[in-house]
Amino acid sequence: MTRRWLLFLVALGGAWGAVYPLTTVGLHAGLSPEWLVALRAVGAAVLLVPFAAATGALRPLTARPAAVATAGVIQAAVPLWLLTTAQQHVSAGVAGILSSLQPVFTAVLVALGGRVGWPVWAGVGLGATGAALLAGPTGRGTDPAAAIGVIGAAALFAAGAVFIGRVLPDMPPAGIAAAAMSLTAVVLLPTAAAVSPHPQFISSGLGAAAGLAVLTAGPLALFYRLIQDVGAERAALAWYLAPAAALVYDIPLVGLPSPAEIAGLLLVIAALTVAGR
């Protein structure tokens, strides 16, 4: 493994850390989870589809439409809806921390194929410990049902990543990302219209949806590229950085991290370093 993929993981973690507070902004602006995910997917598809088409990344997908559709449902449509729905009842920080369990699910699923080495398991252990420390100061008062929803979304994200790595290893990442977001938009737009036929679109909600679209388009294609290059178990380690990034984004609002949070951050960094071996 090279240092480049570690830098990519840091970039992904930084981008995904901003997703949770933006989701909270969109929900507080009055958007239903269905509308917020639908608008996010539409915006991401608008960014991804022209690029994928221009680079020839869509054509190969026609060889395996069922597998591509399955990946879009498991790795995008359903978990995005679950996560966004749960964020109505948990804070952005708690959502980010619980979502960082994805590498644990990924490692377990990949282990069923018997190809996970000790560095990845060590990284999973360090990262899970760091995530637990990060959860300490912010995990109080979490709605149990919503927490289960976030964990379920993390499990689906992991399952989708493993599925893509095993079933679609030769498909262009930009094409997979464009297809996943297009499918999510097709599924969620009519659902949103049925659930909330008269939504109120205000500037803060639309701005949050636009920001989410940008933070979904490029990072999702990069994530799929990492799955193909370094494996689902290592690509999933980017999720450990999301709560760490969320803490950094919170500094202007809540001040410097606590000693427990700093220890958690150090363990997360150690997790990436060990797994990189």
Protein backbone atom coordinates (compact mmCIF):
# COMPACT_ATOMS: atom_id res chain seq x y z
CA MET A 1 0.00 0.00 0.00
CA THR A 2 1.20 3.52 -0.70
CA ARG A 3 0.76 6.72 1.22
CA ARG A 4 -1.59 7.98 -1.47
CA TRP A 5 -4.48 5.79 -0.37
CA LEU A 6 -4.00 6.95 3.22
CA LEU A 7 -4.33 10.53 2.01
CA PHE A 8 -7.48 9.53 0.14
CA LEU A 9 -8.88 8.04 3.36
CA VAL A 10 -8.20 11.29 5.21
CA ALA A 11 -9.96 13.25 2.45
CA LEU A 12 -12.95 10.91 2.59
CA GLY A 13 -13.16 11.10 6.37
CA GLY A 14 -13.03 14.89 6.23
CA ALA A 15 -15.80 15.04 3.64
CA TRP A 16 -18.02 12.53 5.40
CA GLY A 17 -17.54 14.27 8.74
CA ALA A 18 -19.27 17.34 7.28
CA VAL A 19 -22.22 15.28 6.02
CA TYR A 20 -23.74 14.81 9.48
CA PRO A 21 -24.04 18.50 10.50
CA LEU A 22 -25.29 19.37 7.00
CA THR A 23 -27.96 16.68 7.33
CA THR A 24 -29.03 18.19 10.64
CA VAL A 25 -29.29 21.62 9.00
CA GLY A 26 -31.48 20.23 6.23
CA LEU A 27 -33.78 18.45 8.69
CA HIS A 28 -34.08 21.53 10.91
CA ALA A 29 -35.02 23.51 7.80
CA GLY A 30 -38.17 21.41 7.54
CA LEU A 31 -37.16 18.89 4.87
CA SER A 32 -38.36 15.34 5.46
CA PRO A 33 -35.69 12.63 5.38
CA GLU A 34 -37.12 11.43 2.07
CA TRP A 35 -36.90 14.86 0.44
CA LEU A 36 -33.42 15.52 1.82
CA VAL A 37 -32.05 12.20 0.51
CA ALA A 38 -33.87 12.64 -2.81
CA LEU A 39 -32.46 16.14 -3.35
CA ARG A 40 -29.02 14.97 -2.28
CA ALA A 41 -29.16 12.09 -4.76
CA VAL A 42 -30.47 14.26 -7.61
CA GLY A 43 -27.68 16.78 -7.10
CA ALA A 44 -25.02 14.08 -6.90
CA ALA A 45 -26.40 12.38 -10.03
CA VAL A 46 -26.35 15.70 -11.91
CA LEU A 47 -22.67 16.00 -11.08
CA LEU A 48 -21.72 12.37 -11.68
CA VAL A 49 -23.70 11.24 -14.73
CA PRO A 50 -22.25 13.73 -17.29
CA PHE A 51 -18.71 13.00 -16.09
CA ALA A 52 -19.27 9.23 -16.16
CA ALA A 53 -20.85 9.43 -19.62
CA ALA A 54 -18.03 11.57 -21.02
CA THR A 55 -15.37 9.19 -19.73
CA GLY A 56 -17.16 6.04 -20.91
CA ALA A 57 -17.80 4.85 -17.36
CA LEU A 58 -21.49 4.11 -17.91
CA ARG A 59 -21.29 1.75 -20.89
CA PRO A 60 -19.64 -1.19 -19.05
CA LEU A 61 -22.44 -1.17 -16.46
CA THR A 62 -24.94 -2.43 -19.04
CA ALA A 63 -23.27 -5.84 -18.88
CA ARG A 64 -24.45 -6.38 -15.29
CA PRO A 65 -27.51 -4.20 -14.62
CA ALA A 66 -28.91 -6.38 -11.83
CA ALA A 67 -25.65 -6.29 -9.86
CA VAL A 68 -25.32 -2.53 -10.34
CA ALA A 69 -28.91 -1.99 -9.16
CA THR A 70 -28.33 -4.23 -6.14
CA ALA A 71 -25.23 -2.24 -5.22
CA GLY A 72 -27.18 1.02 -5.50
CA VAL A 73 -29.95 -0.20 -3.20
CA ILE A 74 -27.66 -1.75 -0.57
CA GLN A 75 -24.91 0.85 -0.58
CA ALA A 76 -26.86 4.06 -1.20
CA ALA A 77 -30.66 4.27 -1.29
CA VAL A 78 -31.63 2.30 1.82
CA PRO A 79 -28.77 3.22 4.18
CA LEU A 80 -28.92 6.92 3.25
CA TRP A 81 -32.63 6.96 4.05
CA LEU A 82 -32.08 5.05 7.32
CA LEU A 83 -29.26 7.34 8.42
CA THR A 84 -31.10 10.54 7.55
CA THR A 85 -34.29 9.35 9.28
CA ALA A 86 -32.33 8.46 12.40
CA GLN A 87 -30.71 11.90 12.50
CA GLN A 88 -34.10 13.35 13.37
CA HIS A 89 -33.53 11.89 16.84
CA VAL A 90 -29.75 11.79 17.35
CA SER A 91 -27.12 14.50 17.09
CA ALA A 92 -24.75 14.80 14.17
CA GLY A 93 -21.86 13.77 16.42
CA VAL A 94 -23.57 10.62 17.65
CA ALA A 95 -24.57 9.69 14.09
CA GLY A 96 -20.98 10.10 12.93
CA ILE A 97 -19.61 8.05 15.80
CA LEU A 98 -22.06 5.17 15.35
CA SER A 99 -21.48 5.22 11.58
CA SER A 100 -17.79 4.67 12.25
CA LEU A 101 -18.69 1.09 13.17
CA GLN A 102 -18.81 0.34 9.43
CA PRO A 103 -15.19 -0.95 9.31
CA VAL A 104 -16.11 -3.49 12.00
CA PHE A 105 -18.98 -4.84 9.90
CA THR A 106 -16.81 -4.76 6.79
CA ALA A 107 -13.99 -6.71 8.41
CA VAL A 108 -16.42 -9.35 9.68
CA LEU A 109 -17.99 -9.75 6.24
CA VAL A 110 -14.63 -9.90 4.48
CA ALA A 111 -13.39 -12.38 7.08
CA LEU A 112 -16.03 -14.81 5.86
CA GLY A 113 -13.85 -15.10 2.76
CA GLY A 114 -10.77 -15.70 4.92
CA ARG A 115 -8.57 -12.93 3.55
CA VAL A 116 -8.23 -10.32 6.31
CA GLY A 117 -4.74 -10.06 7.82
CA TRP A 118 -3.80 -9.06 11.34
CA PRO A 119 -2.99 -5.40 10.51
CA VAL A 120 -6.57 -4.80 9.40
CA TRP A 121 -7.98 -6.53 12.49
CA ALA A 122 -5.63 -4.48 14.67
CA GLY A 123 -6.77 -1.33 12.88
CA VAL A 124 -10.40 -2.29 13.43
CA GLY A 125 -9.77 -2.82 17.14
CA LEU A 126 -7.94 0.47 17.58
CA GLY A 127 -10.53 2.35 15.57
CA ALA A 128 -13.45 0.85 17.48
CA THR A 129 -11.78 1.79 20.78
CA GLY A 130 -11.20 5.33 19.51
CA ALA A 131 -14.81 5.58 18.35
CA ALA A 132 -15.98 4.45 21.81
CA LEU A 133 -13.90 7.18 23.46
CA LEU A 134 -15.27 9.73 21.01
CA ALA A 135 -18.80 8.60 21.86
CA GLY A 136 -18.33 9.15 25.56
CA PRO A 137 -18.88 12.92 25.83
CA THR A 138 -21.65 13.07 23.20
CA GLY A 139 -23.50 9.77 23.48
CA ARG A 140 -25.85 10.68 26.34
CA GLY A 141 -29.54 10.85 25.69
CA THR A 142 -29.36 8.98 22.40
CA ASP A 143 -32.68 7.60 21.19
CA PRO A 144 -32.22 3.79 21.15
CA ALA A 145 -34.38 3.19 18.05
CA ALA A 146 -32.55 5.92 16.15
CA ALA A 147 -29.19 4.55 17.26
CA ILE A 148 -30.19 1.13 15.92
CA GLY A 149 -31.14 2.84 12.64
CA VAL A 150 -27.67 4.39 12.32
CA ILE A 151 -25.99 1.08 13.12
CA GLY A 152 -28.22 -0.64 10.56
CA ALA A 153 -27.18 1.93 7.97
CA ALA A 154 -23.52 1.29 8.81
CA ALA A 155 -24.05 -2.44 8.34
CA LEU A 156 -25.68 -1.87 4.94
CA PHE A 157 -22.91 0.48 3.84
CA ALA A 158 -20.43 -2.25 4.78
CA ALA A 159 -22.38 -4.96 2.97
CA GLY A 160 -22.60 -2.78 -0.14
CA ALA A 161 -18.88 -2.08 -0.09
CA VAL A 162 -18.05 -5.78 0.15
CA PHE A 163 -20.57 -6.56 -2.60
CA ILE A 164 -19.01 -4.00 -4.94
CA GLY A 165 -15.51 -5.25 -4.21
CA ARG A 166 -16.46 -8.86 -4.94
CA VAL A 167 -19.07 -8.60 -7.68
CA LEU A 168 -18.14 -5.40 -9.53
CA PRO A 169 -14.35 -5.19 -9.19
CA ASP A 170 -13.87 -4.35 -12.87
CA MET A 171 -16.61 -1.73 -13.20
CA PRO A 172 -15.61 1.99 -13.44
CA PRO A 173 -16.02 3.61 -9.99
CA ALA A 174 -17.51 6.82 -11.45
CA GLY A 175 -20.07 4.75 -13.31
CA ILE A 176 -21.07 2.80 -10.20
CA ALA A 177 -21.41 6.03 -8.21
CA ALA A 178 -23.49 7.69 -10.96
CA ALA A 179 -25.76 4.65 -11.17
CA ALA A 180 -26.16 4.45 -7.39
CA MET A 181 -27.16 8.09 -7.08
CA SER A 182 -29.47 7.93 -10.09
CA LEU A 183 -31.21 4.87 -8.66
CA THR A 184 -31.51 6.54 -5.26
CA ALA A 185 -33.10 9.59 -6.88
CA VAL A 186 -35.55 7.43 -8.86
CA VAL A 187 -36.57 5.54 -5.72
CA LEU A 188 -36.73 8.45 -3.27
CA LEU A 189 -38.33 11.20 -5.38
CA PRO A 190 -41.75 9.49 -5.68
CA THR A 191 -41.46 8.31 -2.08
CA ALA A 192 -40.79 11.86 -0.92
CA ALA A 193 -43.71 13.20 -2.95
CA ALA A 194 -46.00 10.60 -1.40
CA VAL A 195 -44.83 11.17 2.18
CA SER A 196 -44.61 14.99 1.97
CA PRO A 197 -46.67 16.18 -1.02
CA HIS A 198 -46.32 19.87 -0.05
CA PRO A 199 -42.73 20.39 1.11
CA GLN A 200 -41.41 23.79 2.12
CA PHE A 201 -38.14 24.51 0.36
CA ILE A 202 -36.24 27.28 2.12
CA SER A 203 -32.74 28.50 1.37
CA SER A 204 -31.02 26.78 4.29
CA GLY A 205 -32.56 23.43 3.43
CA LEU A 206 -31.71 23.70 -0.25
CA GLY A 207 -28.20 24.85 0.62
CA ALA A 208 -27.73 21.83 2.89
CA ALA A 209 -29.00 19.51 0.14
CA ALA A 210 -26.60 21.10 -2.36
CA GLY A 211 -23.68 20.72 0.04
CA LEU A 212 -24.62 17.09 0.64
CA ALA A 213 -24.73 16.49 -3.12
CA VAL A 214 -21.21 17.83 -3.57
CA LEU A 215 -19.92 15.84 -0.58
CA THR A 216 -21.53 12.71 -2.02
CA ALA A 217 -20.56 12.84 -5.70
CA GLY A 218 -16.76 12.96 -5.69
CA PRO A 219 -16.18 11.12 -2.39
CA LEU A 220 -18.48 8.26 -3.41
CA ALA A 221 -16.59 7.68 -6.67
CA LEU A 222 -13.31 7.88 -4.74
CA PHE A 223 -14.62 5.38 -2.18
CA TYR A 224 -15.53 2.89 -4.90
CA ARG A 225 -12.09 3.37 -6.43
CA LEU A 226 -10.48 2.61 -3.08
CA ILE A 227 -12.60 -0.53 -2.70
CA GLN A 228 -11.19 -1.78 -5.98
CA ASP A 229 -7.62 -0.69 -5.26
CA VAL A 230 -7.09 -1.63 -1.61
CA GLY A 231 -10.13 -3.74 -0.68
CA ALA A 232 -13.38 -3.00 1.11
CA GLU A 233 -11.87 -3.62 4.56
CA ARG A 234 -9.25 -0.86 4.15
CA ALA A 235 -11.48 1.57 2.24
CA ALA A 236 -14.02 1.36 5.08
CA LEU A 237 -11.44 2.77 7.52
CA ALA A 238 -12.31 6.23 6.20
CA TRP A 239 -15.43 6.03 8.37
CA TYR A 240 -13.26 6.15 11.48
CA LEU A 241 -12.16 9.64 10.49
CA ALA A 242 -15.69 11.00 10.12
CA PRO A 243 -16.35 11.53 13.87
CA ALA A 244 -12.83 12.91 14.25
CA ALA A 245 -13.55 15.42 11.48
CA ALA A 246 -16.90 16.24 13.08
CA LEU A 247 -15.07 17.14 16.31
CA VAL A 248 -12.81 19.51 14.39
CA TYR A 249 -15.81 21.14 12.73
CA ASP A 250 -17.41 21.59 16.17
CA ILE A 251 -14.45 23.51 17.67
CA PRO A 252 -15.86 26.95 16.74
CA LEU A 253 -19.17 25.99 18.38
CA VAL A 254 -18.29 23.90 21.44
CA GLY A 255 -14.58 24.57 21.97
CA LEU A 256 -11.57 22.27 22.08
CA PRO A 257 -11.96 18.49 22.41
CA SER A 258 -11.80 16.84 25.84
CA PRO A 259 -8.87 14.59 26.83
CA ALA A 260 -11.01 11.51 26.07
CA GLU A 261 -11.79 12.89 22.62
CA ILE A 262 -8.13 13.62 21.94
CA ALA A 263 -7.25 10.07 22.98
CA GLY A 264 -9.94 8.81 20.64
CA LEU A 265 -8.51 10.83 17.78
CA LEU A 266 -5.03 9.41 18.41
CA LEU A 267 -6.41 5.87 18.38
CA VAL A 268 -8.21 6.55 15.11
CA ILE A 269 -4.96 7.79 13.55
CA ALA A 270 -3.17 4.73 14.92
CA ALA A 271 -5.86 2.52 13.38
CA LEU A 272 -5.18 3.91 9.91
CA THR A 273 -1.42 3.64 10.37
CA VAL A 274 -1.54 0.00 11.47
CA ALA A 275 -4.07 -1.02 8.81
CA GLY A 276 -1.88 0.64 6.20
CA ARG A 277 0.72 -2.08 6.73
